[in-house]
Amino acid sequence: MINGVPGHGSVVELAEVVRSGFVESRHFGLAVAIDPEGRQVFAAGEVEAVVLPRSTAKPLQAVGCIAAGAELDGEEAAIAAGSHTGEDRHVALVDRLLAAAGLDHGALQCPPDRPEDEPTRFRLIAEGIDPEKVRMNCSGKHAAMLRATVARGDDPAGYLDPGSPVQLAIAAEIERLTGSSTGIVTVDGCGAPLLGMSLAGLARAFGRLVTAPAGTAERRVADAMRQHPELVGGKGHQNSEVMRLLPGVLAKGGAEGVIAMAMPDGHAVAIKVIDGNPRATTALALRLLEKCGLEVSPATELIDLPVLGGGRPVGEIRSLV
């Protein structure tokens, strides 16, 4: 165990990278699993320590947008809660969200970016198209915030102000779903306000998303993500693949080694890797869900992670949870 990591308290070793029998790297962090009543059934490290959830918070922010007045269902809710890879169908949905609010790409205040989806990125480069805000993986979240802002009759230019009605509504929903308030407000990579929360609170929130009554904002977001996993990420994206291979499971990862998942019955897990490297997070989360009773064999390709040498497996990334 490593003690006294700034901002995180005590952390434990979660995974090791083994090459030809030699432990090449180690990943330390925090991990938690909760039951449907929100009780901890597994904890590694100080899981009540505050973390920045990054894009793992997007489903919670989407719930907040609905609470603030945005009409989001189905595909629109999924793109709002996701980190899309910038494919044309993703852009079309973001355009639809903006058009419903009487807005266009010019209203987005996320930074311009190239698509994560390689075929789309290479095509746009060949066509001489510069990075665009709408291709940025957070543009769905931003469009949902804009839609909620316009629905309230507020000035869309101020939609990222932490003190705006929409951001206050999002913060209130996050505090309700996590069951706590930290008072920590930062700025995410996309420019939107980002609330700090405990890792255990993040897991509790994901459990509440999947067990909320039908028709509620949180259940609408959870159902939309699971029904349209390709909109939460994209072709080959790990979040999308988890939900495709394990129907009913909710999955959302974020930057800096954060991920949360929930089973249909309300068991939920959350991971924070302290070094920020996400390569083991999906496998770790699935192993924790397995401890909670989930049959994970259909997703073996996401759990058994080979270490390559000369293009062939020479080791593995080994989960220690």
C-alpha atoms as a PDB file:
ATOM      1  CA  MET A   1       0.000   0.000   0.000  1.00  0.00           C
ATOM      2  CA  ILE A   2       1.106   3.573  -0.743  1.00  0.00           C
ATOM      3  CA  ASN A   3      -0.034   6.151   1.822  1.00  0.00           C
ATOM      4  CA  GLY A   4      -0.558   9.880   1.565  1.00  0.00           C
ATOM      5  CA  VAL A   5      -1.065  10.309  -2.187  1.00  0.00           C
ATOM      6  CA  PRO A   6      -2.179  13.964  -2.466  1.00  0.00           C
ATOM      7  CA  GLY A   7      -5.945  14.207  -2.737  1.00  0.00           C
ATOM      8  CA  HIS A   8      -6.493  10.448  -2.557  1.00  0.00           C
ATOM      9  CA  GLY A   9      -5.332   9.127   0.825  1.00  0.00           C
ATOM     10  CA  SER A  10      -4.247   5.488   0.747  1.00  0.00           C
ATOM     11  CA  VAL A  11      -4.151   3.571  -2.531  1.00  0.00           C
ATOM     12  CA  VAL A  12      -3.443  -0.075  -3.339  1.00  0.00           C
ATOM     13  CA  GLU A  13      -1.976  -1.986  -6.247  1.00  0.00           C
ATOM     14  CA  LEU A  14      -4.762  -2.788  -8.692  1.00  0.00           C
ATOM     15  CA  ALA A  15      -2.945  -4.265 -11.695  1.00  0.00           C
ATOM     16  CA  GLU A  16       0.496  -5.225 -12.927  1.00  0.00           C
ATOM     17  CA  VAL A  17       1.945  -5.394 -16.421  1.00  0.00           C
ATOM     18  CA  VAL A  18       3.936  -8.594 -16.926  1.00  0.00           C
ATOM     19  CA  ARG A  19       6.315  -8.993 -19.873  1.00  0.00           C
ATOM     20  CA  SER A  20       8.034 -12.365 -20.356  1.00  0.00           C
ATOM     21  CA  GLY A  21       7.547 -13.130 -16.674  1.00  0.00           C
ATOM     22  CA  PHE A  22       8.962  -9.762 -15.546  1.00  0.00           C
ATOM     23  CA  VAL A  23       6.712  -7.224 -13.807  1.00  0.00           C
ATOM     24  CA  GLU A  24       7.371  -4.175 -15.969  1.00  0.00           C
ATOM     25  CA  SER A  25       4.808  -1.718 -14.545  1.00  0.00           C
ATOM     26  CA  ARG A  26       2.311  -1.481 -11.704  1.00  0.00           C
ATOM     27  CA  HIS A  27      -0.932   0.487 -11.479  1.00  0.00           C
ATOM     28  CA  PHE A  28      -2.089   1.731  -8.083  1.00  0.00           C
ATOM     29  CA  GLY A  29      -5.409   3.271  -7.253  1.00  0.00           C
ATOM     30  CA  LEU A  30      -8.821   2.962  -5.628  1.00  0.00           C
ATOM     31  CA  ALA A  31     -11.620   0.483  -6.325  1.00  0.00           C
ATOM     32  CA  VAL A  32     -15.075  -0.027  -4.850  1.00  0.00           C
ATOM     33  CA  ALA A  33     -18.101  -2.258  -5.386  1.00  0.00           C
ATOM     34  CA  ILE A  34     -21.528  -1.638  -3.864  1.00  0.00           C
ATOM     35  CA  ASP A  35     -24.701  -3.715  -3.593  1.00  0.00           C
ATOM     36  CA  PRO A  36     -28.162  -2.543  -4.758  1.00  0.00           C
ATOM     37  CA  GLU A  37     -28.747  -0.899  -1.354  1.00  0.00           C
ATOM     38  CA  GLY A  38     -25.570   1.158  -1.730  1.00  0.00           C
ATOM     39  CA  ARG A  39     -23.558  -0.809   0.824  1.00  0.00           C
ATOM     40  CA  GLN A  40     -19.888  -1.456   0.114  1.00  0.00           C
ATOM     41  CA  VAL A  41     -19.117  -5.101  -0.638  1.00  0.00           C
ATOM     42  CA  PHE A  42     -15.511  -4.484  -1.724  1.00  0.00           C
ATOM     43  CA  ALA A  43     -13.142  -1.594  -1.173  1.00  0.00           C
ATOM     44  CA  ALA A  44      -9.481  -1.119  -2.061  1.00  0.00           C
ATOM     45  CA  GLY A  45      -7.918   2.064  -0.746  1.00  0.00           C
ATOM     46  CA  GLU A  46      -9.725   5.063   0.690  1.00  0.00           C
ATOM     47  CA  VAL A  47     -12.805   4.965  -1.530  1.00  0.00           C
ATOM     48  CA  GLU A  48     -14.439   7.903   0.250  1.00  0.00           C
ATOM     49  CA  ALA A  49     -11.538  10.078  -0.940  1.00  0.00           C
ATOM     50  CA  VAL A  50     -12.498  12.709  -3.508  1.00  0.00           C
ATOM     51  CA  VAL A  51     -11.719  12.052  -7.173  1.00  0.00           C
ATOM     52  CA  LEU A  52     -12.425  13.987 -10.347  1.00  0.00           C
ATOM     53  CA  PRO A  53     -14.720  11.702 -12.385  1.00  0.00           C
ATOM     54  CA  ARG A  54     -14.020  13.411 -15.711  1.00  0.00           C
ATOM     55  CA  SER A  55     -16.256  11.994 -18.466  1.00  0.00           C
ATOM     56  CA  THR A  56     -17.532   9.239 -16.196  1.00  0.00           C
ATOM     57  CA  ALA A  57     -19.797  11.983 -14.828  1.00  0.00           C
ATOM     58  CA  LYS A  58     -21.513  12.542 -18.192  1.00  0.00           C
ATOM     59  CA  PRO A  59     -24.517  10.275 -17.464  1.00  0.00           C
ATOM     60  CA  LEU A  60     -25.073  12.218 -14.232  1.00  0.00           C
ATOM     61  CA  GLN A  61     -24.737  15.520 -16.069  1.00  0.00           C
ATOM     62  CA  ALA A  62     -27.265  14.312 -18.647  1.00  0.00           C
ATOM     63  CA  VAL A  63     -29.724  13.613 -15.820  1.00  0.00           C
ATOM     64  CA  GLY A  64     -29.114  17.167 -14.625  1.00  0.00           C
ATOM     65  CA  CYS A  65     -29.812  18.553 -18.088  1.00  0.00           C
ATOM     66  CA  ILE A  66     -33.168  16.764 -18.150  1.00  0.00           C
ATOM     67  CA  ALA A  67     -33.971  18.075 -14.680  1.00  0.00           C
ATOM     68  CA  ALA A  68     -33.113  21.573 -15.934  1.00  0.00           C
ATOM     69  CA  GLY A  69     -35.575  21.327 -18.827  1.00  0.00           C
ATOM     70  CA  ALA A  70     -33.892  19.539 -21.744  1.00  0.00           C
ATOM     71  CA  GLU A  71     -36.067  16.999 -23.518  1.00  0.00           C
ATOM     72  CA  LEU A  72     -33.683  14.066 -23.937  1.00  0.00           C
ATOM     73  CA  ASP A  73     -34.650  10.506 -24.772  1.00  0.00           C
ATOM     74  CA  GLY A  74     -33.289   7.627 -26.803  1.00  0.00           C
ATOM     75  CA  GLU A  75     -30.425   8.517 -29.121  1.00  0.00           C
ATOM     76  CA  GLU A  76     -30.255  12.122 -27.923  1.00  0.00           C
ATOM     77  CA  ALA A  77     -29.889  11.046 -24.284  1.00  0.00           C
ATOM     78  CA  ALA A  78     -27.211   8.527 -25.263  1.00  0.00           C
ATOM     79  CA  ILE A  79     -25.096  11.070 -27.171  1.00  0.00           C
ATOM     80  CA  ALA A  80     -25.490  13.572 -24.305  1.00  0.00           C
ATOM     81  CA  ALA A  81     -24.186  10.992 -21.807  1.00  0.00           C
ATOM     82  CA  GLY A  82     -21.426   9.669 -24.039  1.00  0.00           C
ATOM     83  CA  SER A  83     -17.916  10.425 -25.231  1.00  0.00           C
ATOM     84  CA  HIS A  84     -18.477   9.879 -28.921  1.00  0.00           C
ATOM     85  CA  THR A  85     -15.700   9.217 -31.416  1.00  0.00           C
ATOM     86  CA  GLY A  86     -16.712  11.924 -33.886  1.00  0.00           C
ATOM     87  CA  GLU A  87     -18.319   9.768 -36.552  1.00  0.00           C
ATOM     88  CA  ASP A  88     -20.774  11.416 -38.953  1.00  0.00           C
ATOM     89  CA  ARG A  89     -23.785   9.856 -37.201  1.00  0.00           C
ATOM     90  CA  HIS A  90     -22.580  11.329 -33.923  1.00  0.00           C
ATOM     91  CA  VAL A  91     -22.307  14.777 -35.482  1.00  0.00           C
ATOM     92  CA  ALA A  92     -25.800  14.433 -36.961  1.00  0.00           C
ATOM     93  CA  LEU A  93     -27.239  13.791 -33.503  1.00  0.00           C
ATOM     94  CA  VAL A  94     -25.400  16.737 -31.965  1.00  0.00           C
ATOM     95  CA  ASP A  95     -26.727  18.876 -34.810  1.00  0.00           C
ATOM     96  CA  ARG A  96     -30.237  17.638 -34.009  1.00  0.00           C
ATOM     97  CA  LEU A  97     -29.867  18.596 -30.357  1.00  0.00           C
ATOM     98  CA  LEU A  98     -28.641  22.054 -31.285  1.00  0.00           C
ATOM     99  CA  ALA A  99     -31.289  22.617 -33.951  1.00  0.00           C
ATOM    100  CA  ALA A 100     -34.042  21.778 -31.452  1.00  0.00           C
ATOM    101  CA  ALA A 101     -32.747  24.718 -29.404  1.00  0.00           C
ATOM    102  CA  GLY A 102     -32.494  26.973 -32.462  1.00  0.00           C
ATOM    103  CA  LEU A 103     -28.695  26.871 -32.362  1.00  0.00           C
ATOM    104  CA  ASP A 104     -25.798  25.731 -34.529  1.00  0.00           C
ATOM    105  CA  HIS A 105     -22.140  24.735 -34.031  1.00  0.00           C
ATOM    106  CA  GLY A 106     -21.241  28.314 -33.212  1.00  0.00           C
ATOM    107  CA  ALA A 107     -22.940  27.991 -29.820  1.00  0.00           C
ATOM    108  CA  LEU A 108     -20.646  25.185 -28.681  1.00  0.00           C
ATOM    109  CA  GLN A 109     -17.894  26.289 -26.285  1.00  0.00           C
ATOM    110  CA  CYS A 110     -15.933  23.014 -26.191  1.00  0.00           C
ATOM    111  CA  PRO A 111     -12.544  23.136 -27.955  1.00  0.00           C
ATOM    112  CA  PRO A 112     -12.254  21.995 -31.585  1.00  0.00           C
ATOM    113  CA  ASP A 113     -10.838  18.532 -32.134  1.00  0.00           C
ATOM    114  CA  ARG A 114     -10.382  15.829 -34.716  1.00  0.00           C
ATOM    115  CA  PRO A 115     -12.486  12.659 -34.507  1.00  0.00           C
ATOM    116  CA  GLU A 116     -11.160   9.767 -32.457  1.00  0.00           C
ATOM    117  CA  ASP A 117     -12.585   7.409 -35.082  1.00  0.00           C
ATOM    118  CA  GLU A 118      -9.609   6.825 -37.383  1.00  0.00           C
ATOM    119  CA  PRO A 119     -11.387   6.393 -40.761  1.00  0.00           C
ATOM    120  CA  THR A 120     -13.359   9.580 -40.142  1.00  0.00           C
ATOM    121  CA  ARG A 121     -10.266  11.475 -38.974  1.00  0.00           C
ATOM    122  CA  PHE A 122      -8.176  10.439 -41.982  1.00  0.00           C
ATOM    123  CA  ARG A 123     -11.029  11.290 -44.370  1.00  0.00           C
ATOM    124  CA  LEU A 124     -11.481  14.777 -42.955  1.00  0.00           C
ATOM    125  CA  ILE A 125      -7.725  15.432 -43.041  1.00  0.00           C
ATOM    126  CA  ALA A 126      -7.658  14.339 -46.688  1.00  0.00           C
ATOM    127  CA  GLU A 127     -10.541  16.704 -47.387  1.00  0.00           C
ATOM    128  CA  GLY A 128      -8.657  19.573 -45.765  1.00  0.00           C
ATOM    129  CA  ILE A 129     -11.173  20.017 -42.952  1.00  0.00           C
ATOM    130  CA  ASP A 130      -9.741  21.527 -39.791  1.00  0.00           C
ATOM    131  CA  PRO A 131     -10.595  20.331 -36.248  1.00  0.00           C
ATOM    132  CA  GLU A 132     -14.192  21.191 -35.338  1.00  0.00           C
ATOM    133  CA  LYS A 133     -15.991  21.682 -32.034  1.00  0.00           C
ATOM    134  CA  VAL A 134     -18.770  19.322 -33.063  1.00  0.00           C
ATOM    135  CA  ARG A 135     -16.261  16.490 -33.574  1.00  0.00           C
ATOM    136  CA  MET A 136     -14.950  16.868 -30.009  1.00  0.00           C
ATOM    137  CA  ASN A 137     -16.011  13.896 -27.857  1.00  0.00           C
ATOM    138  CA  CYS A 138     -17.893  16.133 -25.381  1.00  0.00           C
ATOM    139  CA  SER A 139     -20.010  18.001 -27.945  1.00  0.00           C
ATOM    140  CA  GLY A 140     -23.084  15.902 -27.119  1.00  0.00           C
ATOM    141  CA  LYS A 141     -22.873  16.937 -23.458  1.00  0.00           C
ATOM    142  CA  HIS A 142     -22.410  20.572 -24.431  1.00  0.00           C
ATOM    143  CA  ALA A 143     -25.363  20.451 -26.825  1.00  0.00           C
ATOM    144  CA  ALA A 144     -27.549  19.005 -24.047  1.00  0.00           C
ATOM    145  CA  MET A 145     -26.465  21.800 -21.680  1.00  0.00           C
ATOM    146  CA  LEU A 146     -27.302  24.350 -24.370  1.00  0.00           C
ATOM    147  CA  ARG A 147     -30.682  22.743 -24.986  1.00  0.00           C
ATOM    148  CA  ALA A 148     -31.498  22.926 -21.261  1.00  0.00           C
ATOM    149  CA  THR A 149     -30.321  26.543 -21.120  1.00  0.00           C
ATOM    150  CA  VAL A 150     -32.553  27.602 -24.017  1.00  0.00           C
ATOM    151  CA  ALA A 151     -35.495  25.631 -22.601  1.00  0.00           C
ATOM    152  CA  ARG A 152     -35.218  27.755 -19.460  1.00  0.00           C
ATOM    153  CA  GLY A 153     -35.101  30.958 -21.474  1.00  0.00           C
ATOM    154  CA  ASP A 154     -31.544  31.750 -20.380  1.00  0.00           C
ATOM    155  CA  ASP A 155     -28.714  33.198 -22.464  1.00  0.00           C
ATOM    156  CA  PRO A 156     -26.869  30.297 -24.148  1.00  0.00           C
ATOM    157  CA  ALA A 157     -23.625  32.275 -24.045  1.00  0.00           C
ATOM    158  CA  GLY A 158     -23.438  31.640 -20.289  1.00  0.00           C
ATOM    159  CA  TYR A 159     -24.203  27.918 -20.258  1.00  0.00           C
ATOM    160  CA  LEU A 160     -20.787  26.965 -18.815  1.00  0.00           C
ATOM    161  CA  ASP A 161     -20.938  29.415 -15.918  1.00  0.00           C
ATOM    162  CA  PRO A 162     -20.888  27.287 -12.716  1.00  0.00           C
ATOM    163  CA  GLY A 163     -23.440  29.686 -11.234  1.00  0.00           C
ATOM    164  CA  SER A 164     -25.887  29.422 -14.140  1.00  0.00           C
ATOM    165  CA  PRO A 165     -29.284  27.784 -13.457  1.00  0.00           C
ATOM    166  CA  VAL A 166     -28.455  24.789 -15.640  1.00  0.00           C
ATOM    167  CA  GLN A 167     -25.096  24.108 -13.983  1.00  0.00           C
ATOM    168  CA  LEU A 168     -26.657  24.509 -10.545  1.00  0.00           C
ATOM    169  CA  ALA A 169     -29.369  22.011 -11.525  1.00  0.00           C
ATOM    170  CA  ILE A 170     -26.695  19.574 -12.742  1.00  0.00           C
ATOM    171  CA  ALA A 171     -24.776  19.970  -9.480  1.00  0.00           C
ATOM    172  CA  ALA A 172     -27.934  19.321  -7.455  1.00  0.00           C
ATOM    173  CA  GLU A 173     -28.670  16.103  -9.361  1.00  0.00           C
ATOM    174  CA  ILE A 174     -25.090  14.890  -8.983  1.00  0.00           C
ATOM    175  CA  GLU A 175     -25.218  15.505  -5.239  1.00  0.00           C
ATOM    176  CA  ARG A 176     -28.550  13.675  -5.020  1.00  0.00           C
ATOM    177  CA  LEU A 177     -27.328  10.665  -6.993  1.00  0.00           C
ATOM    178  CA  THR A 178     -23.953  10.371  -5.248  1.00  0.00           C
ATOM    179  CA  GLY A 179     -25.492  11.024  -1.837  1.00  0.00           C
ATOM    180  CA  SER A 180     -22.931  13.637  -0.893  1.00  0.00           C
ATOM    181  CA  SER A 181     -21.543  17.087  -1.595  1.00  0.00           C
ATOM    182  CA  THR A 182     -17.817  17.881  -1.660  1.00  0.00           C
ATOM    183  CA  GLY A 183     -17.964  21.542  -2.596  1.00  0.00           C
ATOM    184  CA  ILE A 184     -15.167  20.949  -5.113  1.00  0.00           C
ATOM    185  CA  VAL A 185     -15.845  22.480  -8.530  1.00  0.00           C
ATOM    186  CA  THR A 186     -13.138  22.343 -11.208  1.00  0.00           C
ATOM    187  CA  VAL A 187     -12.991  22.805 -14.985  1.00  0.00           C
ATOM    188  CA  ASP A 188     -13.015  19.705 -17.182  1.00  0.00           C
ATOM    189  CA  GLY A 189     -10.880  19.332 -20.291  1.00  0.00           C
ATOM    190  CA  CYS A 190     -13.842  20.385 -22.444  1.00  0.00           C
ATOM    191  CA  GLY A 191     -14.358  23.575 -20.437  1.00  0.00           C
ATOM    192  CA  ALA A 192     -17.494  22.483 -18.564  1.00  0.00           C
ATOM    193  CA  PRO A 193     -17.767  22.615 -14.760  1.00  0.00           C
ATOM    194  CA  LEU A 194     -16.693  19.359 -13.123  1.00  0.00           C
ATOM    195  CA  LEU A 195     -17.624  18.371  -9.581  1.00  0.00           C
ATOM    196  CA  GLY A 196     -15.341  16.350  -7.362  1.00  0.00           C
ATOM    197  CA  MET A 197     -16.961  13.346  -5.670  1.00  0.00           C
ATOM    198  CA  SER A 198     -15.955  10.304  -3.688  1.00  0.00           C
ATOM    199  CA  LEU A 199     -15.292   7.145  -5.652  1.00  0.00           C
ATOM    200  CA  ALA A 200     -17.917   5.368  -3.530  1.00  0.00           C
ATOM    201  CA  GLY A 201     -20.393   8.133  -4.360  1.00  0.00           C
ATOM    202  CA  LEU A 202     -19.727   7.653  -8.080  1.00  0.00           C
ATOM    203  CA  ALA A 203     -20.495   3.943  -7.759  1.00  0.00           C
ATOM    204  CA  ARG A 204     -23.676   4.703  -5.781  1.00  0.00           C
ATOM    205  CA  ALA A 205     -24.815   7.077  -8.503  1.00  0.00           C
ATOM    206  CA  PHE A 206     -24.391   4.448 -11.234  1.00  0.00           C
ATOM    207  CA  GLY A 207     -26.353   1.953  -9.136  1.00  0.00           C
ATOM    208  CA  ARG A 208     -29.162   4.473  -8.823  1.00  0.00           C
ATOM    209  CA  LEU A 209     -29.201   5.135 -12.572  1.00  0.00           C
ATOM    210  CA  VAL A 210     -30.059   1.518 -13.400  1.00  0.00           C
ATOM    211  CA  THR A 211     -32.531   0.916 -10.548  1.00  0.00           C
ATOM    212  CA  ALA A 212     -34.528   4.143 -10.807  1.00  0.00           C
ATOM    213  CA  PRO A 213     -38.208   3.765 -11.728  1.00  0.00           C
ATOM    214  CA  ALA A 214     -39.039   3.681 -15.434  1.00  0.00           C
ATOM    215  CA  GLY A 215     -39.632   7.125 -16.873  1.00  0.00           C
ATOM    216  CA  THR A 216     -37.407   8.992 -14.440  1.00  0.00           C
ATOM    217  CA  ALA A 217     -34.570  11.080 -15.821  1.00  0.00           C
ATOM    218  CA  GLU A 218     -31.876   8.742 -14.473  1.00  0.00           C
ATOM    219  CA  ARG A 219     -33.542   5.624 -15.867  1.00  0.00           C
ATOM    220  CA  ARG A 220     -34.107   7.298 -19.231  1.00  0.00           C
ATOM    221  CA  VAL A 221     -30.391   8.065 -19.469  1.00  0.00           C
ATOM    222  CA  ALA A 222     -29.335   4.579 -18.360  1.00  0.00           C
ATOM    223  CA  ASP A 223     -31.745   2.891 -20.769  1.00  0.00           C
ATOM    224  CA  ALA A 224     -30.692   5.120 -23.665  1.00  0.00           C
ATOM    225  CA  MET A 225     -27.012   4.333 -23.123  1.00  0.00           C
ATOM    226  CA  ARG A 226     -27.638   0.595 -22.979  1.00  0.00           C
ATOM    227  CA  GLN A 227     -29.948   0.624 -26.006  1.00  0.00           C
ATOM    228  CA  HIS A 228     -27.539   2.720 -28.086  1.00  0.00           C
ATOM    229  CA  PRO A 229     -24.025   1.801 -26.904  1.00  0.00           C
ATOM    230  CA  GLU A 230     -22.515   2.852 -30.232  1.00  0.00           C
ATOM    231  CA  LEU A 231     -23.451   6.451 -29.386  1.00  0.00           C
ATOM    232  CA  VAL A 232     -21.792   6.374 -25.966  1.00  0.00           C
ATOM    233  CA  GLY A 233     -18.443   5.712 -27.643  1.00  0.00           C
ATOM    234  CA  GLY A 234     -18.216   4.395 -31.167  1.00  0.00           C
ATOM    235  CA  LYS A 235     -16.971   1.503 -33.268  1.00  0.00           C
ATOM    236  CA  GLY A 236     -14.595  -0.582 -31.119  1.00  0.00           C
ATOM    237  CA  HIS A 237     -14.761   1.811 -28.141  1.00  0.00           C
ATOM    238  CA  GLN A 238     -14.472  -0.112 -24.856  1.00  0.00           C
ATOM    239  CA  ASN A 239     -17.526   1.509 -23.236  1.00  0.00           C
ATOM    240  CA  SER A 240     -19.597   0.565 -26.270  1.00  0.00           C
ATOM    241  CA  GLU A 241     -18.160  -2.942 -26.402  1.00  0.00           C
ATOM    242  CA  VAL A 242     -18.936  -3.633 -22.727  1.00  0.00           C
ATOM    243  CA  MET A 243     -22.586  -2.724 -23.224  1.00  0.00           C
ATOM    244  CA  ARG A 244     -22.786  -4.613 -26.522  1.00  0.00           C
ATOM    245  CA  LEU A 245     -21.234  -7.802 -25.149  1.00  0.00           C
ATOM    246  CA  LEU A 246     -23.010  -7.656 -21.762  1.00  0.00           C
ATOM    247  CA  PRO A 247     -26.563  -6.413 -22.415  1.00  0.00           C
ATOM    248  CA  GLY A 248     -28.012  -4.610 -19.421  1.00  0.00           C
ATOM    249  CA  VAL A 249     -24.660  -3.459 -18.034  1.00  0.00           C
ATOM    250  CA  LEU A 250     -24.096   0.301 -17.888  1.00  0.00           C
ATOM    251  CA  ALA A 251     -20.517   1.460 -18.519  1.00  0.00           C
ATOM    252  CA  LYS A 252     -18.837   4.851 -18.784  1.00  0.00           C
ATOM    253  CA  GLY A 253     -15.171   5.691 -18.501  1.00  0.00           C
ATOM    254  CA  GLY A 254     -13.393   9.015 -18.312  1.00  0.00           C
ATOM    255  CA  ALA A 255      -9.955  10.536 -18.599  1.00  0.00           C
ATOM    256  CA  GLU A 256      -7.221   9.977 -16.032  1.00  0.00           C
ATOM    257  CA  GLY A 257      -8.057   6.347 -15.267  1.00  0.00           C
ATOM    258  CA  VAL A 258     -11.661   6.633 -14.045  1.00  0.00           C
ATOM    259  CA  ILE A 259     -14.493   4.228 -14.873  1.00  0.00           C
ATOM    260  CA  ALA A 260     -17.826   3.143 -13.413  1.00  0.00           C
ATOM    261  CA  MET A 261     -20.158   0.282 -14.314  1.00  0.00           C
ATOM    262  CA  ALA A 262     -23.461  -1.041 -13.010  1.00  0.00           C
ATOM    263  CA  MET A 263     -25.328  -4.318 -13.328  1.00  0.00           C
ATOM    264  CA  PRO A 264     -29.083  -4.321 -14.040  1.00  0.00           C
ATOM    265  CA  ASP A 265     -29.813  -5.325 -10.421  1.00  0.00           C
ATOM    266  CA  GLY A 266     -28.012  -2.269  -9.015  1.00  0.00           C
ATOM    267  CA  HIS A 267     -24.610  -3.695  -8.113  1.00  0.00           C
ATOM    268  CA  ALA A 268     -22.098  -1.056  -9.198  1.00  0.00           C
ATOM    269  CA  VAL A 269     -18.341  -0.523  -9.249  1.00  0.00           C
ATOM    270  CA  ALA A 270     -15.964   2.383  -9.723  1.00  0.00           C
ATOM    271  CA  ILE A 271     -12.204   2.542 -10.331  1.00  0.00           C
ATOM    272  CA  LYS A 272      -9.633   5.330 -10.173  1.00  0.00           C
ATOM    273  CA  VAL A 273      -6.094   4.547 -11.337  1.00  0.00           C
ATOM    274  CA  ILE A 274      -3.804   7.107  -9.734  1.00  0.00           C
ATOM    275  CA  ASP A 275      -1.299   7.360 -12.583  1.00  0.00           C
ATOM    276  CA  GLY A 276      -4.154   8.197 -14.957  1.00  0.00           C
ATOM    277  CA  ASN A 277      -3.446   5.342 -17.387  1.00  0.00           C
ATOM    278  CA  PRO A 278      -6.752   3.710 -18.463  1.00  0.00           C
ATOM    279  CA  ARG A 279      -5.366   0.526 -20.032  1.00  0.00           C
ATOM    280  CA  ALA A 280      -6.509  -1.726 -17.159  1.00  0.00           C
ATOM    281  CA  THR A 281      -9.657   0.100 -16.022  1.00  0.00           C
ATOM    282  CA  THR A 282     -12.239  -1.795 -18.094  1.00  0.00           C
ATOM    283  CA  ALA A 283     -10.788  -5.174 -17.127  1.00  0.00           C
ATOM    284  CA  LEU A 284     -10.634  -4.173 -13.455  1.00  0.00           C
ATOM    285  CA  ALA A 285     -14.241  -2.987 -13.441  1.00  0.00           C
ATOM    286  CA  LEU A 286     -15.440  -6.184 -15.101  1.00  0.00           C
ATOM    287  CA  ARG A 287     -13.511  -8.312 -12.598  1.00  0.00           C
ATOM    288  CA  LEU A 288     -15.221  -6.443  -9.777  1.00  0.00           C
ATOM    289  CA  LEU A 289     -18.628  -6.994 -11.380  1.00  0.00           C
ATOM    290  CA  GLU A 290     -17.723 -10.671 -11.614  1.00  0.00           C
ATOM    291  CA  LYS A 291     -17.187 -10.653  -7.841  1.00  0.00           C
ATOM    292  CA  CYS A 292     -20.717  -9.243  -7.583  1.00  0.00           C
ATOM    293  CA  GLY A 293     -22.136 -12.187  -9.539  1.00  0.00           C
ATOM    294  CA  LEU A 294     -22.049 -11.016 -13.167  1.00  0.00           C
ATOM    295  CA  GLU A 295     -21.192 -13.590 -15.843  1.00  0.00           C
ATOM    296  CA  VAL A 296     -18.440 -11.787 -17.736  1.00  0.00           C
ATOM    297  CA  SER A 297     -17.261 -14.533 -20.107  1.00  0.00           C
ATOM    298  CA  PRO A 298     -18.868 -12.893 -23.179  1.00  0.00           C
ATOM    299  CA  ALA A 299     -16.473  -9.973 -22.614  1.00  0.00           C
ATOM    300  CA  THR A 300     -13.304 -12.055 -22.199  1.00  0.00           C
ATOM    301  CA  GLU A 301     -11.587 -10.047 -24.938  1.00  0.00           C
ATOM    302  CA  LEU A 302     -11.863  -6.953 -22.734  1.00  0.00           C
ATOM    303  CA  ILE A 303     -10.529  -8.730 -19.629  1.00  0.00           C
ATOM    304  CA  ASP A 304      -7.639 -10.902 -20.836  1.00  0.00           C
ATOM    305  CA  LEU A 305      -5.296  -8.172 -22.029  1.00  0.00           C
ATOM    306  CA  PRO A 306      -2.104  -9.408 -23.732  1.00  0.00           C
ATOM    307  CA  VAL A 307       1.250  -7.659 -23.622  1.00  0.00           C
ATOM    308  CA  LEU A 308       2.787  -7.887 -27.101  1.00  0.00           C
ATOM    309  CA  GLY A 309       6.326  -8.420 -28.238  1.00  0.00           C
ATOM    310  CA  GLY A 310       7.018  -8.559 -31.958  1.00  0.00           C
ATOM    311  CA  GLY A 311       3.285  -8.635 -32.566  1.00  0.00           C
ATOM    312  CA  ARG A 312       2.622 -11.722 -30.452  1.00  0.00           C
ATOM    313  CA  PRO A 313       1.577 -12.154 -26.807  1.00  0.00           C
ATOM    314  CA  VAL A 314       4.523 -12.339 -24.409  1.00  0.00           C
ATOM    315  CA  GLY A 315       2.723 -11.409 -21.201  1.00  0.00           C
ATOM    316  CA  GLU A 316      -0.418  -9.909 -19.741  1.00  0.00           C
ATOM    317  CA  ILE A 317      -1.972  -7.026 -17.842  1.00  0.00           C
ATOM    318  CA  ARG A 318      -2.978  -8.824 -14.662  1.00  0.00           C
ATOM    319  CA  SER A 319      -5.852  -7.675 -12.452  1.00  0.00           C
ATOM    320  CA  LEU A 320      -5.114  -7.856  -8.729  1.00  0.00           C
ATOM    321  CA  VAL A 321      -8.595  -7.016  -7.403  1.00  0.00           C
END
